[in-house]
C-alpha atoms as a PDB file:
ATOM      1  CA  UNK A   1      -4.845 -42.851  -0.242  1.00  0.00           C
ATOM      2  CA  UNK A   2      -5.853 -39.337  -1.260  1.00  0.00           C
ATOM      3  CA  UNK A   3      -3.312 -37.155  -3.060  1.00  0.00           C
ATOM      4  CA  UNK A   4      -3.934 -34.639  -0.287  1.00  0.00           C
ATOM      5  CA  UNK A   5      -3.535 -36.826   2.800  1.00  0.00           C
ATOM      6  CA  UNK A   6      -1.184 -34.962   5.171  1.00  0.00           C
ATOM      7  CA  UNK A   7      -0.610 -32.085   2.743  1.00  0.00           C
ATOM      8  CA  UNK A   8      -0.789 -28.496   4.008  1.00  0.00           C
ATOM      9  CA  UNK A   9      -3.066 -26.297   1.932  1.00  0.00           C
ATOM     10  CA  UNK A  10      -3.546 -22.541   2.185  1.00  0.00           C
ATOM     11  CA  UNK A  11      -6.762 -21.154   0.713  1.00  0.00           C
ATOM     12  CA  UNK A  12      -7.202 -17.379   0.710  1.00  0.00           C
ATOM     13  CA  UNK A  13     -10.637 -15.807   0.758  1.00  0.00           C
ATOM     14  CA  UNK A  14     -11.957 -19.101   2.137  1.00  0.00           C
ATOM     15  CA  UNK A  15     -14.667 -17.747   4.415  1.00  0.00           C
ATOM     16  CA  UNK A  16     -17.381 -17.944   1.774  1.00  0.00           C
ATOM     17  CA  UNK A  17     -18.181 -19.112  -1.739  1.00  0.00           C
ATOM     18  CA  UNK A  18     -15.483 -20.729  -3.841  1.00  0.00           C
ATOM     19  CA  UNK A  19     -12.750 -20.507  -1.209  1.00  0.00           C
ATOM     20  CA  UNK A  20     -14.903 -22.179   1.421  1.00  0.00           C
ATOM     21  CA  UNK A  21     -15.728 -24.980  -1.015  1.00  0.00           C
ATOM     22  CA  UNK A  22     -12.033 -25.495  -1.830  1.00  0.00           C
ATOM     23  CA  UNK A  23     -11.032 -25.518   1.847  1.00  0.00           C
ATOM     24  CA  UNK A  24     -13.708 -28.058   2.807  1.00  0.00           C
ATOM     25  CA  UNK A  25     -12.748 -30.323  -0.098  1.00  0.00           C
ATOM     26  CA  UNK A  26      -9.067 -30.352   0.827  1.00  0.00           C
ATOM     27  CA  UNK A  27      -9.888 -31.071   4.485  1.00  0.00           C
ATOM     28  CA  UNK A  28     -12.301 -33.857   3.521  1.00  0.00           C
ATOM     29  CA  UNK A  29      -9.449 -35.525   1.636  1.00  0.00           C
ATOM     30  CA  UNK A  30      -7.008 -35.375   4.550  1.00  0.00           C
ATOM     31  CA  UNK A  31      -5.223 -32.056   4.050  1.00  0.00           C
ATOM     32  CA  UNK A  32      -4.429 -29.658   6.861  1.00  0.00           C
ATOM     33  CA  UNK A  33      -5.941 -26.340   5.863  1.00  0.00           C
ATOM     34  CA  UNK A  34      -5.151 -22.707   6.570  1.00  0.00           C
ATOM     35  CA  UNK A  35      -8.424 -20.850   6.091  1.00  0.00           C
ATOM     36  CA  UNK A  36      -7.612 -17.238   5.311  1.00  0.00           C
ATOM     37  CA  UNK A  37     -10.331 -14.596   5.139  1.00  0.00           C
ATOM     38  CA  UNK A  38     -10.487 -10.996   6.284  1.00  0.00           C
ATOM     39  CA  UNK A  39     -14.234 -11.450   6.459  1.00  0.00           C
ATOM     40  CA  UNK A  40     -15.097  -8.270   4.578  1.00  0.00           C
ATOM     41  CA  UNK A  41     -17.730  -7.479   1.983  1.00  0.00           C
ATOM     42  CA  UNK A  42     -17.301  -8.129  -1.742  1.00  0.00           C
ATOM     43  CA  UNK A  43     -16.073  -4.527  -1.972  1.00  0.00           C
ATOM     44  CA  UNK A  44     -13.342  -5.144   0.610  1.00  0.00           C
ATOM     45  CA  UNK A  45     -15.002  -3.278   3.473  1.00  0.00           C
ATOM     46  CA  UNK A  46     -15.342  -4.516   7.047  1.00  0.00           C
ATOM     47  CA  UNK A  47     -14.317  -7.745   8.732  1.00  0.00           C
ATOM     48  CA  UNK A  48     -15.955 -10.799  10.292  1.00  0.00           C
ATOM     49  CA  UNK A  49     -15.334 -14.259  11.754  1.00  0.00           C
ATOM     50  CA  UNK A  50     -16.064 -16.096   8.491  1.00  0.00           C
ATOM     51  CA  UNK A  51     -12.697 -17.895   8.628  1.00  0.00           C
ATOM     52  CA  UNK A  52     -13.408 -19.172  12.150  1.00  0.00           C
ATOM     53  CA  UNK A  53     -16.751 -20.544  11.019  1.00  0.00           C
ATOM     54  CA  UNK A  54     -15.168 -22.556   8.208  1.00  0.00           C
ATOM     55  CA  UNK A  55     -12.475 -23.868  10.568  1.00  0.00           C
ATOM     56  CA  UNK A  56     -15.181 -24.952  13.013  1.00  0.00           C
ATOM     57  CA  UNK A  57     -16.970 -26.743  10.175  1.00  0.00           C
ATOM     58  CA  UNK A  58     -13.778 -28.579   9.194  1.00  0.00           C
ATOM     59  CA  UNK A  59     -13.007 -29.588  12.777  1.00  0.00           C
ATOM     60  CA  UNK A  60     -16.566 -30.777  13.354  1.00  0.00           C
ATOM     61  CA  UNK A  61     -16.075 -33.140  10.432  1.00  0.00           C
ATOM     62  CA  UNK A  62     -12.847 -34.477  11.955  1.00  0.00           C
ATOM     63  CA  UNK A  63     -10.380 -32.398   9.935  1.00  0.00           C
ATOM     64  CA  UNK A  64      -7.493 -30.114  10.850  1.00  0.00           C
ATOM     65  CA  UNK A  65      -7.554 -26.385  10.151  1.00  0.00           C
ATOM     66  CA  UNK A  66      -6.568 -22.999  11.489  1.00  0.00           C
ATOM     67  CA  UNK A  67      -7.917 -19.543  10.724  1.00  0.00           C
ATOM     68  CA  UNK A  68      -6.046 -16.464   9.551  1.00  0.00           C
ATOM     69  CA  UNK A  69      -7.873 -13.142   9.153  1.00  0.00           C
ATOM     70  CA  UNK A  70      -5.178 -11.044   7.485  1.00  0.00           C
ATOM     71  CA  UNK A  71      -5.585  -9.109   4.268  1.00  0.00           C
ATOM     72  CA  UNK A  72      -3.595 -10.590   1.388  1.00  0.00           C
ATOM     73  CA  UNK A  73      -3.065  -7.082  -0.017  1.00  0.00           C
ATOM     74  CA  UNK A  74      -0.944  -6.164   3.018  1.00  0.00           C
ATOM     75  CA  UNK A  75       2.590  -7.580   2.860  1.00  0.00           C
ATOM     76  CA  UNK A  76       2.794  -8.247   6.583  1.00  0.00           C
ATOM     77  CA  UNK A  77      -0.674  -9.764   6.498  1.00  0.00           C
ATOM     78  CA  UNK A  78       0.251 -12.033   3.606  1.00  0.00           C
ATOM     79  CA  UNK A  79       3.411 -13.108   5.416  1.00  0.00           C
ATOM     80  CA  UNK A  80       1.371 -13.933   8.520  1.00  0.00           C
ATOM     81  CA  UNK A  81      -0.614 -16.500   6.515  1.00  0.00           C
ATOM     82  CA  UNK A  82       2.581 -18.349   5.671  1.00  0.00           C
ATOM     83  CA  UNK A  83       3.996 -17.920   9.178  1.00  0.00           C
ATOM     84  CA  UNK A  84       0.817 -19.355  10.701  1.00  0.00           C
ATOM     85  CA  UNK A  85       0.919 -22.342   8.340  1.00  0.00           C
ATOM     86  CA  UNK A  86       4.536 -23.111   9.205  1.00  0.00           C
ATOM     87  CA  UNK A  87       3.967 -22.650  12.931  1.00  0.00           C
ATOM     88  CA  UNK A  88       0.915 -24.908  12.998  1.00  0.00           C
ATOM     89  CA  UNK A  89       1.813 -27.554  10.432  1.00  0.00           C
ATOM     90  CA  UNK A  90       5.551 -27.245   9.712  1.00  0.00           C
ATOM     91  CA  UNK A  91       5.405 -26.876   5.942  1.00  0.00           C
ATOM     92  CA  UNK A  92       3.381 -25.684   2.938  1.00  0.00           C
ATOM     93  CA  UNK A  93       2.392 -27.807  -0.044  1.00  0.00           C
ATOM     94  CA  UNK A  94      -0.493 -26.024  -1.719  1.00  0.00           C
ATOM     95  CA  UNK A  95      -1.477 -22.372  -2.159  1.00  0.00           C
ATOM     96  CA  UNK A  96      -4.844 -21.505  -3.669  1.00  0.00           C
ATOM     97  CA  UNK A  97      -5.025 -17.759  -4.292  1.00  0.00           C
ATOM     98  CA  UNK A  98      -8.765 -17.135  -4.208  1.00  0.00           C
ATOM     99  CA  UNK A  99      -9.228 -13.865  -2.280  1.00  0.00           C
ATOM    100  CA  UNK A 100     -10.754 -11.055  -4.273  1.00  0.00           C
ATOM    101  CA  UNK A 101     -12.985  -7.984  -4.300  1.00  0.00           C
ATOM    102  CA  UNK A 102     -14.972  -6.043  -6.877  1.00  0.00           C
ATOM    103  CA  UNK A 103     -15.291  -2.330  -7.631  1.00  0.00           C
ATOM    104  CA  UNK A 104     -17.261  -2.511 -10.871  1.00  0.00           C
ATOM    105  CA  UNK A 105     -17.808   0.636 -12.934  1.00  0.00           C
ATOM    106  CA  UNK A 106     -17.387   1.653 -16.547  1.00  0.00           C
ATOM    107  CA  UNK A 107     -13.843   2.887 -17.146  1.00  0.00           C
ATOM    108  CA  UNK A 108     -14.896   6.502 -17.663  1.00  0.00           C
ATOM    109  CA  UNK A 109     -16.530   6.463 -14.213  1.00  0.00           C
ATOM    110  CA  UNK A 110     -13.857   4.430 -12.429  1.00  0.00           C
ATOM    111  CA  UNK A 111     -11.510   6.286 -10.105  1.00  0.00           C
ATOM    112  CA  UNK A 112      -7.864   5.286 -10.019  1.00  0.00           C
ATOM    113  CA  UNK A 113      -8.333   4.396  -6.356  1.00  0.00           C
ATOM    114  CA  UNK A 114     -10.994   1.878  -7.403  1.00  0.00           C
ATOM    115  CA  UNK A 115      -8.617   0.519 -10.004  1.00  0.00           C
ATOM    116  CA  UNK A 116      -5.768   0.229  -7.496  1.00  0.00           C
ATOM    117  CA  UNK A 117      -7.866  -1.449  -4.792  1.00  0.00           C
ATOM    118  CA  UNK A 118      -8.817  -4.336  -7.072  1.00  0.00           C
ATOM    119  CA  UNK A 119      -5.266  -4.711  -8.378  1.00  0.00           C
ATOM    120  CA  UNK A 120      -3.956  -4.695  -4.796  1.00  0.00           C
ATOM    121  CA  UNK A 121      -6.115  -7.612  -3.667  1.00  0.00           C
ATOM    122  CA  UNK A 122      -6.136  -9.818  -6.758  1.00  0.00           C
ATOM    123  CA  UNK A 123      -2.715  -9.244  -8.292  1.00  0.00           C
ATOM    124  CA  UNK A 124      -0.500  -8.025  -5.482  1.00  0.00           C
ATOM    125  CA  UNK A 125      -2.267 -10.247  -2.955  1.00  0.00           C
ATOM    126  CA  UNK A 126      -1.659 -13.350  -5.060  1.00  0.00           C
ATOM    127  CA  UNK A 127       1.959 -12.324  -5.621  1.00  0.00           C
ATOM    128  CA  UNK A 128       2.573 -11.610  -1.929  1.00  0.00           C
ATOM    129  CA  UNK A 129       1.145 -14.893  -0.622  1.00  0.00           C
ATOM    130  CA  UNK A 130       2.861 -16.952  -3.320  1.00  0.00           C
ATOM    131  CA  UNK A 131       6.150 -15.148  -2.789  1.00  0.00           C
ATOM    132  CA  UNK A 132       6.245 -15.938   0.927  1.00  0.00           C
ATOM    133  CA  UNK A 133       5.288 -19.593   0.304  1.00  0.00           C
ATOM    134  CA  UNK A 134       7.674 -20.098  -2.640  1.00  0.00           C
ATOM    135  CA  UNK A 135      10.941 -20.686  -0.694  1.00  0.00           C
ATOM    136  CA  UNK A 136       9.420 -23.574   1.269  1.00  0.00           C
ATOM    137  CA  UNK A 137       8.122 -25.243  -1.884  1.00  0.00           C
ATOM    138  CA  UNK A 138      11.390 -24.601  -3.734  1.00  0.00           C
ATOM    139  CA  UNK A 139      13.450 -26.134  -0.943  1.00  0.00           C
ATOM    140  CA  UNK A 140      11.308 -29.269  -0.618  1.00  0.00           C
ATOM    141  CA  UNK A 141      10.983 -29.728  -4.400  1.00  0.00           C
ATOM    142  CA  UNK A 142       7.205 -29.971  -4.274  1.00  0.00           C
ATOM    143  CA  UNK A 143       4.492 -27.372  -4.542  1.00  0.00           C
ATOM    144  CA  UNK A 144       1.182 -26.572  -6.174  1.00  0.00           C
ATOM    145  CA  UNK A 145      -0.037 -23.021  -6.772  1.00  0.00           C
ATOM    146  CA  UNK A 146      -3.425 -22.009  -8.129  1.00  0.00           C
ATOM    147  CA  UNK A 147      -4.033 -18.451  -9.322  1.00  0.00           C
ATOM    148  CA  UNK A 148      -7.668 -17.498  -9.795  1.00  0.00           C
ATOM    149  CA  UNK A 149      -8.311 -15.828 -13.120  1.00  0.00           C
ATOM    150  CA  UNK A 150     -11.677 -15.149 -14.765  1.00  0.00           C
ATOM    151  CA  UNK A 151     -13.393 -15.083 -18.140  1.00  0.00           C
ATOM    152  CA  UNK A 152     -13.709 -11.343 -17.469  1.00  0.00           C
ATOM    153  CA  UNK A 153      -9.941 -11.108 -17.720  1.00  0.00           C
ATOM    154  CA  UNK A 154      -9.331 -13.670 -20.443  1.00  0.00           C
ATOM    155  CA  UNK A 155     -12.153 -12.495 -22.714  1.00  0.00           C
ATOM    156  CA  UNK A 156     -13.142  -9.096 -21.255  1.00  0.00           C
ATOM    157  CA  UNK A 157     -16.334  -7.767 -19.682  1.00  0.00           C
ATOM    158  CA  UNK A 158     -18.019  -4.370 -19.574  1.00  0.00           C
ATOM    159  CA  UNK A 159     -17.552  -2.431 -16.353  1.00  0.00           C
ATOM    160  CA  UNK A 160     -14.665  -4.532 -15.063  1.00  0.00           C
ATOM    161  CA  UNK A 161     -11.475  -2.988 -16.444  1.00  0.00           C
ATOM    162  CA  UNK A 162      -9.769  -3.154 -13.033  1.00  0.00           C
ATOM    163  CA  UNK A 163     -10.879  -6.719 -12.377  1.00  0.00           C
ATOM    164  CA  UNK A 164     -10.117  -7.835 -15.942  1.00  0.00           C
ATOM    165  CA  UNK A 165      -6.613  -6.355 -15.797  1.00  0.00           C
ATOM    166  CA  UNK A 166      -5.887  -8.197 -12.546  1.00  0.00           C
ATOM    167  CA  UNK A 167      -7.349 -11.464 -13.786  1.00  0.00           C
ATOM    168  CA  UNK A 168      -5.479 -11.464 -17.106  1.00  0.00           C
ATOM    169  CA  UNK A 169      -2.306 -10.745 -15.135  1.00  0.00           C
ATOM    170  CA  UNK A 170      -2.788 -14.121 -13.444  1.00  0.00           C
ATOM    171  CA  UNK A 171      -1.976 -15.814 -16.768  1.00  0.00           C
ATOM    172  CA  UNK A 172       1.304 -13.945 -17.106  1.00  0.00           C
ATOM    173  CA  UNK A 173       2.241 -14.744 -13.526  1.00  0.00           C
ATOM    174  CA  UNK A 174       1.331 -18.398 -14.087  1.00  0.00           C
ATOM    175  CA  UNK A 175       3.459 -18.738 -17.208  1.00  0.00           C
ATOM    176  CA  UNK A 176       6.536 -17.201 -15.581  1.00  0.00           C
ATOM    177  CA  UNK A 177       6.168 -19.074 -12.279  1.00  0.00           C
ATOM    178  CA  UNK A 178       5.575 -22.365 -14.093  1.00  0.00           C
ATOM    179  CA  UNK A 179       8.890 -21.894 -15.893  1.00  0.00           C
ATOM    180  CA  UNK A 180      10.755 -20.969 -12.707  1.00  0.00           C
ATOM    181  CA  UNK A 181       9.205 -23.777 -10.674  1.00  0.00           C
ATOM    182  CA  UNK A 182       9.562 -26.553 -13.257  1.00  0.00           C
ATOM    183  CA  UNK A 183      12.948 -27.736 -12.012  1.00  0.00           C
ATOM    184  CA  UNK A 184      11.656 -27.992  -8.438  1.00  0.00           C
ATOM    185  CA  UNK A 185       8.356 -29.783  -9.070  1.00  0.00           C
ATOM    186  CA  UNK A 186       6.326 -26.652  -8.396  1.00  0.00           C
ATOM    187  CA  UNK A 187       3.335 -26.616 -10.711  1.00  0.00           C
ATOM    188  CA  UNK A 188       1.384 -23.432 -11.259  1.00  0.00           C
ATOM    189  CA  UNK A 189      -2.010 -23.178 -12.932  1.00  0.00           C
ATOM    190  CA  UNK A 190      -4.915 -20.774 -13.376  1.00  0.00           C
ATOM    191  CA  UNK A 191      -8.556 -21.337 -12.545  1.00  0.00           C
ATOM    192  CA  UNK A 192     -11.279 -19.475 -14.442  1.00  0.00           C
ATOM    193  CA  UNK A 193     -14.395 -20.211 -12.368  1.00  0.00           C
ATOM    194  CA  UNK A 194     -18.076 -19.530 -12.710  1.00  0.00           C
ATOM    195  CA  UNK A 195     -20.419 -19.998  -9.749  1.00  0.00           C
ATOM    196  CA  UNK A 196     -23.187 -18.382  -7.743  1.00  0.00           C
ATOM    197  CA  UNK A 197     -21.323 -16.424  -5.067  1.00  0.00           C
ATOM    198  CA  UNK A 198     -21.603 -13.084  -3.300  1.00  0.00           C
ATOM    199  CA  UNK A 199     -19.224 -11.611  -5.857  1.00  0.00           C
ATOM    200  CA  UNK A 200     -20.981 -12.825  -8.980  1.00  0.00           C
ATOM    201  CA  UNK A 201     -24.354 -11.800  -7.535  1.00  0.00           C
ATOM    202  CA  UNK A 202     -23.041  -8.238  -7.114  1.00  0.00           C
ATOM    203  CA  UNK A 203     -21.993  -7.830 -10.769  1.00  0.00           C
ATOM    204  CA  UNK A 204     -24.258  -5.313 -12.549  1.00  0.00           C
ATOM    205  CA  UNK A 205     -26.916  -7.155 -14.528  1.00  0.00           C
ATOM    206  CA  UNK A 206     -26.613 -10.370 -12.495  1.00  0.00           C
ATOM    207  CA  UNK A 207     -29.872 -12.263 -11.935  1.00  0.00           C
ATOM    208  CA  UNK A 208     -28.472 -14.539  -9.216  1.00  0.00           C
ATOM    209  CA  UNK A 209     -30.642 -14.691  -6.083  1.00  0.00           C
ATOM    210  CA  UNK A 210     -28.290 -15.653  -3.265  1.00  0.00           C
ATOM    211  CA  UNK A 211     -31.253 -16.508  -1.004  1.00  0.00           C
ATOM    212  CA  UNK A 212     -31.978 -19.343  -3.439  1.00  0.00           C
ATOM    213  CA  UNK A 213     -28.882 -19.877  -5.614  1.00  0.00           C
ATOM    214  CA  UNK A 214     -29.213 -22.255  -8.567  1.00  0.00           C
ATOM    215  CA  UNK A 215     -27.837 -25.719  -7.782  1.00  0.00           C
ATOM    216  CA  UNK A 216     -26.181 -25.921 -11.192  1.00  0.00           C
ATOM    217  CA  UNK A 217     -24.027 -22.915 -10.240  1.00  0.00           C
ATOM    218  CA  UNK A 218     -22.784 -24.320  -6.945  1.00  0.00           C
ATOM    219  CA  UNK A 219     -19.179 -23.446  -5.981  1.00  0.00           C
ATOM    220  CA  UNK A 220     -18.733 -27.152  -5.323  1.00  0.00           C
ATOM    221  CA  UNK A 221     -18.860 -27.756  -9.060  1.00  0.00           C
ATOM    222  CA  UNK A 222     -15.743 -25.583  -9.505  1.00  0.00           C
ATOM    223  CA  UNK A 223     -13.640 -27.219  -6.790  1.00  0.00           C
ATOM    224  CA  UNK A 224     -12.855 -30.458  -8.729  1.00  0.00           C
ATOM    225  CA  UNK A 225     -10.743 -28.366 -11.110  1.00  0.00           C
ATOM    226  CA  UNK A 226      -8.767 -26.947  -8.174  1.00  0.00           C
ATOM    227  CA  UNK A 227      -8.146 -30.418  -6.763  1.00  0.00           C
ATOM    228  CA  UNK A 228      -6.912 -31.546 -10.172  1.00  0.00           C
ATOM    229  CA  UNK A 229      -4.482 -28.619 -10.391  1.00  0.00           C
ATOM    230  CA  UNK A 230      -3.112 -29.448  -6.936  1.00  0.00           C
ATOM    231  CA  UNK A 231      -2.851 -33.222  -7.333  1.00  0.00           C
ATOM    232  CA  UNK A 232       0.299 -35.303  -7.626  1.00  0.00           C
ATOM    233  CA  UNK A 233      -0.109 -35.537 -11.401  1.00  0.00           C
ATOM    234  CA  UNK A 234      -1.132 -31.913 -11.905  1.00  0.00           C
ATOM    235  CA  UNK A 235      -0.169 -30.146 -15.119  1.00  0.00           C
ATOM    236  CA  UNK A 236       1.567 -26.776 -15.115  1.00  0.00           C
ATOM    237  CA  UNK A 237       0.852 -23.563 -17.027  1.00  0.00           C
ATOM    238  CA  UNK A 238      -2.724 -24.646 -17.727  1.00  0.00           C
ATOM    239  CA  UNK A 239      -5.791 -22.408 -17.564  1.00  0.00           C
ATOM    240  CA  UNK A 240      -8.791 -24.517 -16.591  1.00  0.00           C
ATOM    241  CA  UNK A 241     -12.369 -23.222 -16.820  1.00  0.00           C
ATOM    242  CA  UNK A 242     -14.948 -24.664 -14.428  1.00  0.00           C
ATOM    243  CA  UNK A 243     -18.596 -23.681 -14.201  1.00  0.00           C
ATOM    244  CA  UNK A 244     -21.822 -25.555 -13.668  1.00  0.00           C
ATOM    245  CA  UNK A 245     -20.178 -28.957 -14.015  1.00  0.00           C
ATOM    246  CA  UNK A 246     -18.503 -28.049 -17.306  1.00  0.00           C
ATOM    247  CA  UNK A 247     -14.697 -28.156 -17.459  1.00  0.00           C
ATOM    248  CA  UNK A 248     -12.475 -26.954 -20.293  1.00  0.00           C
ATOM    249  CA  UNK A 249      -9.128 -25.348 -21.057  1.00  0.00           C
ATOM    250  CA  UNK A 250      -8.086 -22.197 -22.893  1.00  0.00           C
ATOM    251  CA  UNK A 251      -4.619 -21.520 -24.266  1.00  0.00           C
ATOM    252  CA  UNK A 252      -2.650 -18.896 -26.167  1.00  0.00           C
ATOM    253  CA  UNK A 253      -2.164 -19.563 -29.873  1.00  0.00           C
ATOM    254  CA  UNK A 254       0.422 -17.961 -32.156  1.00  0.00           C
ATOM    255  CA  UNK A 255       0.771 -17.847 -35.944  1.00  0.00           C
ATOM    256  CA  UNK A 256       3.893 -17.974 -38.096  1.00  0.00           C
ATOM    257  CA  UNK A 257       3.616 -14.341 -39.180  1.00  0.00           C
ATOM    258  CA  UNK A 258       6.241 -12.784 -41.454  1.00  0.00           C
ATOM    259  CA  UNK A 259       9.895 -11.824 -41.124  1.00  0.00           C
ATOM    260  CA  UNK A 260      10.978  -8.599 -42.870  1.00  0.00           C
ATOM    261  CA  UNK A 261      14.367  -8.108 -41.242  1.00  0.00           C
ATOM    262  CA  UNK A 262      16.013  -5.078 -39.649  1.00  0.00           C
ATOM    263  CA  UNK A 263      15.042  -2.736 -42.493  1.00  0.00           C
ATOM    264  CA  UNK A 264      11.309  -3.404 -42.209  1.00  0.00           C
ATOM    265  CA  UNK A 265       8.952  -0.505 -42.880  1.00  0.00           C
ATOM    266  CA  UNK A 266       5.292   0.132 -42.237  1.00  0.00           C
ATOM    267  CA  UNK A 267       4.543  -0.107 -45.932  1.00  0.00           C
ATOM    268  CA  UNK A 268       6.259  -3.499 -46.237  1.00  0.00           C
ATOM    269  CA  UNK A 269       4.393  -4.830 -43.237  1.00  0.00           C
ATOM    270  CA  UNK A 270       1.104  -3.653 -44.697  1.00  0.00           C
ATOM    271  CA  UNK A 271       1.842  -5.467 -47.941  1.00  0.00           C
ATOM    272  CA  UNK A 272       1.653  -8.737 -45.981  1.00  0.00           C
ATOM    273  CA  UNK A 273      -0.714  -7.687 -43.188  1.00  0.00           C
ATOM    274  CA  UNK A 274      -2.965 -10.689 -43.820  1.00  0.00           C
ATOM    275  CA  UNK A 275      -0.090 -13.022 -42.930  1.00  0.00           C
ATOM    276  CA  UNK A 276       0.513 -11.002 -39.766  1.00  0.00           C
ATOM    277  CA  UNK A 277      -3.099 -11.261 -38.614  1.00  0.00           C
ATOM    278  CA  UNK A 278      -4.254 -14.614 -40.060  1.00  0.00           C
ATOM    279  CA  UNK A 279      -4.817 -17.199 -37.311  1.00  0.00           C
ATOM    280  CA  UNK A 280      -6.187 -20.014 -39.483  1.00  0.00           C
ATOM    281  CA  UNK A 281      -2.999 -22.082 -39.107  1.00  0.00           C
ATOM    282  CA  UNK A 282      -2.061 -20.882 -35.608  1.00  0.00           C
ATOM    283  CA  UNK A 283      -0.608 -23.357 -33.120  1.00  0.00           C
ATOM    284  CA  UNK A 284      -0.817 -23.493 -29.304  1.00  0.00           C
ATOM    285  CA  UNK A 285       2.037 -21.889 -27.388  1.00  0.00           C
ATOM    286  CA  UNK A 286       3.522 -23.887 -24.511  1.00  0.00           C
ATOM    287  CA  UNK A 287       5.650 -21.715 -22.193  1.00  0.00           C
ATOM    288  CA  UNK A 288       7.247 -24.794 -20.618  1.00  0.00           C
ATOM    289  CA  UNK A 289       8.549 -25.986 -23.981  1.00  0.00           C
ATOM    290  CA  UNK A 290      10.709 -22.866 -24.110  1.00  0.00           C
ATOM    291  CA  UNK A 291      11.685 -22.592 -20.470  1.00  0.00           C
ATOM    292  CA  UNK A 292      15.158 -21.568 -19.423  1.00  0.00           C
ATOM    293  CA  UNK A 293      16.742 -23.063 -16.317  1.00  0.00           C
END
């Protein structure tokens, strides 16, 4: 039996691209799916029936799904996603925070409104949806949460300060939620995907032709990582990269550094600055190894 048989999965931004692929994969494996999508453009403008189309596709294949067209960046809208899931299916097991927009510009040309809009959808939207789903998972002692990060956040990318800030924030949210959820079997992980989608095609310098996207960059090649992070034996506090059929993990490393005590000065630190900055003997940091109940 599939790990997902009878589970209730919410996938935000599931009308196209990665989210659609995730939603179809969960439904194919027996999950009941809430397909959330405002149906707007990659810049967050407009609306459409994209969520309905994915639901129709799932039902045509014999699966169960409902549509929700709320914006995750609106608190009431985010709550409606959870309310609809509970009303239709009675519980929530899995939340995949996938919804996102882009407002790419170099930082000197980026307005604060453009910064805020991206933060609102990616960071606040993920926090809102997860927050409303968390009590159900906490009470039932079972839950899986995926936060969608990006190499643009983890490693940086020109022209995406707003997006990078939001995507790196996913790692901080993951680490803290993984600690808080550990005692209730709630496992929280980050996905760093790479695929040919409307969003990636809109990034300045992209050569992706969405009329004929490369098969090796199919969103379907990312989805196995999401299924892994939502399975019965899922890890927690892991950042998994998935792109073009390649899967890997990145992690924070820390070195031993130096200890100069309460009377430390700049000059003393500089005397041993190589020990402060040397990462040759650094070790991976596991937030769950230091969790507090």
